[in-house]
């Protein structure tokens, strides 16, 4: 992101906010058509490569009440999925 910041002369924090907003939009659109999303699917539709980065995004959105976390009976993080808590809330964030 530093290179983009230098080329476009846009502050990095602005890029990060826009990146999060765009990824939130992609996830919201996915969840409007599908009931659940997991980390792997979220990474594939947003282009986020690192598992831990997407985990932080999902945790943050869950903390804000935008997503509900559904833990699997197996308690394996791979089986954890998320769903929208309220579509209107996510549209306004």
C-alpha atoms as a PDB file:
ATOM      1  CA  UNK A   1       0.000   0.000   0.000  1.00  0.00           C
ATOM      2  CA  UNK A   2       2.914   2.338   0.543  1.00  0.00           C
ATOM      3  CA  UNK A   3       3.706   2.321  -3.186  1.00  0.00           C
ATOM      4  CA  UNK A   4       0.099   3.134  -4.066  1.00  0.00           C
ATOM      5  CA  UNK A   5       0.159   5.933  -1.514  1.00  0.00           C
ATOM      6  CA  UNK A   6       3.254   7.455  -3.130  1.00  0.00           C
ATOM      7  CA  UNK A   7       1.917   7.124  -6.669  1.00  0.00           C
ATOM      8  CA  UNK A   8      -1.575   8.439  -5.967  1.00  0.00           C
ATOM      9  CA  UNK A   9      -0.548  10.806  -3.178  1.00  0.00           C
ATOM     10  CA  UNK A  10      -3.309   9.370  -0.952  1.00  0.00           C
ATOM     11  CA  UNK A  11      -2.648   8.925   2.772  1.00  0.00           C
ATOM     12  CA  UNK A  12      -2.293   5.275   3.776  1.00  0.00           C
ATOM     13  CA  UNK A  13      -4.974   5.511   6.466  1.00  0.00           C
ATOM     14  CA  UNK A  14      -7.468   6.677   3.819  1.00  0.00           C
ATOM     15  CA  UNK A  15      -6.541   3.697   1.637  1.00  0.00           C
ATOM     16  CA  UNK A  16      -7.015   1.332   4.575  1.00  0.00           C
ATOM     17  CA  UNK A  17     -10.470   2.745   5.346  1.00  0.00           C
ATOM     18  CA  UNK A  18     -11.479   2.414   1.692  1.00  0.00           C
ATOM     19  CA  UNK A  19     -10.057  -1.131   1.557  1.00  0.00           C
ATOM     20  CA  UNK A  20     -12.137  -2.147   4.585  1.00  0.00           C
ATOM     21  CA  UNK A  21     -15.262  -0.477   3.189  1.00  0.00           C
ATOM     22  CA  UNK A  22     -14.917  -2.224  -0.170  1.00  0.00           C
ATOM     23  CA  UNK A  23     -14.317  -5.587   1.473  1.00  0.00           C
ATOM     24  CA  UNK A  24     -17.324  -5.057   3.727  1.00  0.00           C
ATOM     25  CA  UNK A  25     -19.414  -4.339   0.640  1.00  0.00           C
ATOM     26  CA  UNK A  26     -18.217  -7.518  -1.083  1.00  0.00           C
ATOM     27  CA  UNK A  27     -19.033  -9.619   1.968  1.00  0.00           C
ATOM     28  CA  UNK A  28     -22.434  -7.958   2.413  1.00  0.00           C
ATOM     29  CA  UNK A  29     -23.336  -8.603  -1.232  1.00  0.00           C
ATOM     30  CA  UNK A  30     -22.255 -12.229  -0.898  1.00  0.00           C
ATOM     31  CA  UNK A  31     -24.366 -12.639   2.246  1.00  0.00           C
ATOM     32  CA  UNK A  32     -27.417 -11.096   0.599  1.00  0.00           C
ATOM     33  CA  UNK A  33     -27.369 -14.054  -1.820  1.00  0.00           C
ATOM     34  CA  UNK A  34     -25.955 -16.724   0.519  1.00  0.00           C
ATOM     35  CA  UNK A  35     -26.903 -17.382   4.121  1.00  0.00           C
ATOM     36  CA  UNK A  36     -23.380 -18.000   5.450  1.00  0.00           C
ATOM     37  CA  UNK A  37     -19.755 -17.111   4.757  1.00  0.00           C
ATOM     38  CA  UNK A  38     -16.546 -18.509   6.192  1.00  0.00           C
ATOM     39  CA  UNK A  39     -12.999 -17.195   6.292  1.00  0.00           C
ATOM     40  CA  UNK A  40     -11.935 -19.047   3.152  1.00  0.00           C
ATOM     41  CA  UNK A  41     -14.823 -17.746   1.047  1.00  0.00           C
ATOM     42  CA  UNK A  42     -14.400 -14.229   2.449  1.00  0.00           C
ATOM     43  CA  UNK A  43     -10.734 -14.267   1.447  1.00  0.00           C
ATOM     44  CA  UNK A  44     -11.520 -15.527  -2.031  1.00  0.00           C
ATOM     45  CA  UNK A  45     -14.097 -12.812  -2.782  1.00  0.00           C
ATOM     46  CA  UNK A  46     -12.100  -9.953  -1.250  1.00  0.00           C
ATOM     47  CA  UNK A  47      -8.614 -10.878  -2.405  1.00  0.00           C
ATOM     48  CA  UNK A  48      -7.275 -10.927   1.157  1.00  0.00           C
ATOM     49  CA  UNK A  49      -4.642 -13.652   1.187  1.00  0.00           C
ATOM     50  CA  UNK A  50      -3.715 -13.995   4.850  1.00  0.00           C
ATOM     51  CA  UNK A  51      -6.074 -16.032   7.041  1.00  0.00           C
ATOM     52  CA  UNK A  52      -5.303 -13.965  10.145  1.00  0.00           C
ATOM     53  CA  UNK A  53      -6.062 -10.667   8.378  1.00  0.00           C
ATOM     54  CA  UNK A  54      -9.534 -11.850   7.357  1.00  0.00           C
ATOM     55  CA  UNK A  55     -10.053 -13.284  10.844  1.00  0.00           C
ATOM     56  CA  UNK A  56      -9.450  -9.805  12.277  1.00  0.00           C
ATOM     57  CA  UNK A  57     -11.918  -8.239   9.814  1.00  0.00           C
ATOM     58  CA  UNK A  58     -14.584 -10.838  10.639  1.00  0.00           C
ATOM     59  CA  UNK A  59     -13.981 -10.444  14.378  1.00  0.00           C
ATOM     60  CA  UNK A  60     -14.241  -6.660  14.126  1.00  0.00           C
ATOM     61  CA  UNK A  61     -17.478  -6.816  12.130  1.00  0.00           C
ATOM     62  CA  UNK A  62     -18.857  -9.368  14.601  1.00  0.00           C
ATOM     63  CA  UNK A  63     -17.929  -7.048  17.475  1.00  0.00           C
ATOM     64  CA  UNK A  64     -19.774  -4.183  15.792  1.00  0.00           C
ATOM     65  CA  UNK A  65     -22.866  -6.368  15.502  1.00  0.00           C
ATOM     66  CA  UNK A  66     -22.794  -6.514  11.722  1.00  0.00           C
ATOM     67  CA  UNK A  67     -22.181 -10.262  11.590  1.00  0.00           C
ATOM     68  CA  UNK A  68     -23.161 -13.158  13.809  1.00  0.00           C
ATOM     69  CA  UNK A  69     -20.523 -15.811  14.439  1.00  0.00           C
ATOM     70  CA  UNK A  70     -21.738 -19.382  14.275  1.00  0.00           C
ATOM     71  CA  UNK A  71     -19.275 -21.815  15.817  1.00  0.00           C
ATOM     72  CA  UNK A  72     -19.360 -25.399  14.641  1.00  0.00           C
ATOM     73  CA  UNK A  73     -19.907 -28.267  17.042  1.00  0.00           C
ATOM     74  CA  UNK A  74     -16.395 -29.430  16.195  1.00  0.00           C
ATOM     75  CA  UNK A  75     -15.020 -26.129  17.608  1.00  0.00           C
ATOM     76  CA  UNK A  76     -12.591 -26.078  14.671  1.00  0.00           C
ATOM     77  CA  UNK A  77     -11.955 -22.547  13.368  1.00  0.00           C
ATOM     78  CA  UNK A  78     -12.230 -23.940   9.830  1.00  0.00           C
ATOM     79  CA  UNK A  79     -15.856 -24.813  10.454  1.00  0.00           C
ATOM     80  CA  UNK A  80     -16.803 -21.406  11.860  1.00  0.00           C
ATOM     81  CA  UNK A  81     -19.197 -19.444   9.695  1.00  0.00           C
ATOM     82  CA  UNK A  82     -20.805 -16.036   9.804  1.00  0.00           C
ATOM     83  CA  UNK A  83     -24.111 -14.564   8.737  1.00  0.00           C
ATOM     84  CA  UNK A  84     -25.538 -11.068   8.580  1.00  0.00           C
ATOM     85  CA  UNK A  85     -27.129  -9.983  11.822  1.00  0.00           C
ATOM     86  CA  UNK A  86     -29.177  -7.326  10.042  1.00  0.00           C
ATOM     87  CA  UNK A  87     -28.741  -6.428   6.375  1.00  0.00           C
ATOM     88  CA  UNK A  88     -29.766  -2.791   6.971  1.00  0.00           C
ATOM     89  CA  UNK A  89     -27.038  -2.302   9.608  1.00  0.00           C
ATOM     90  CA  UNK A  90     -24.281  -3.424   7.274  1.00  0.00           C
ATOM     91  CA  UNK A  91     -25.511  -1.176   4.464  1.00  0.00           C
ATOM     92  CA  UNK A  92     -25.135   1.847   6.723  1.00  0.00           C
ATOM     93  CA  UNK A  93     -21.638   1.071   8.006  1.00  0.00           C
END
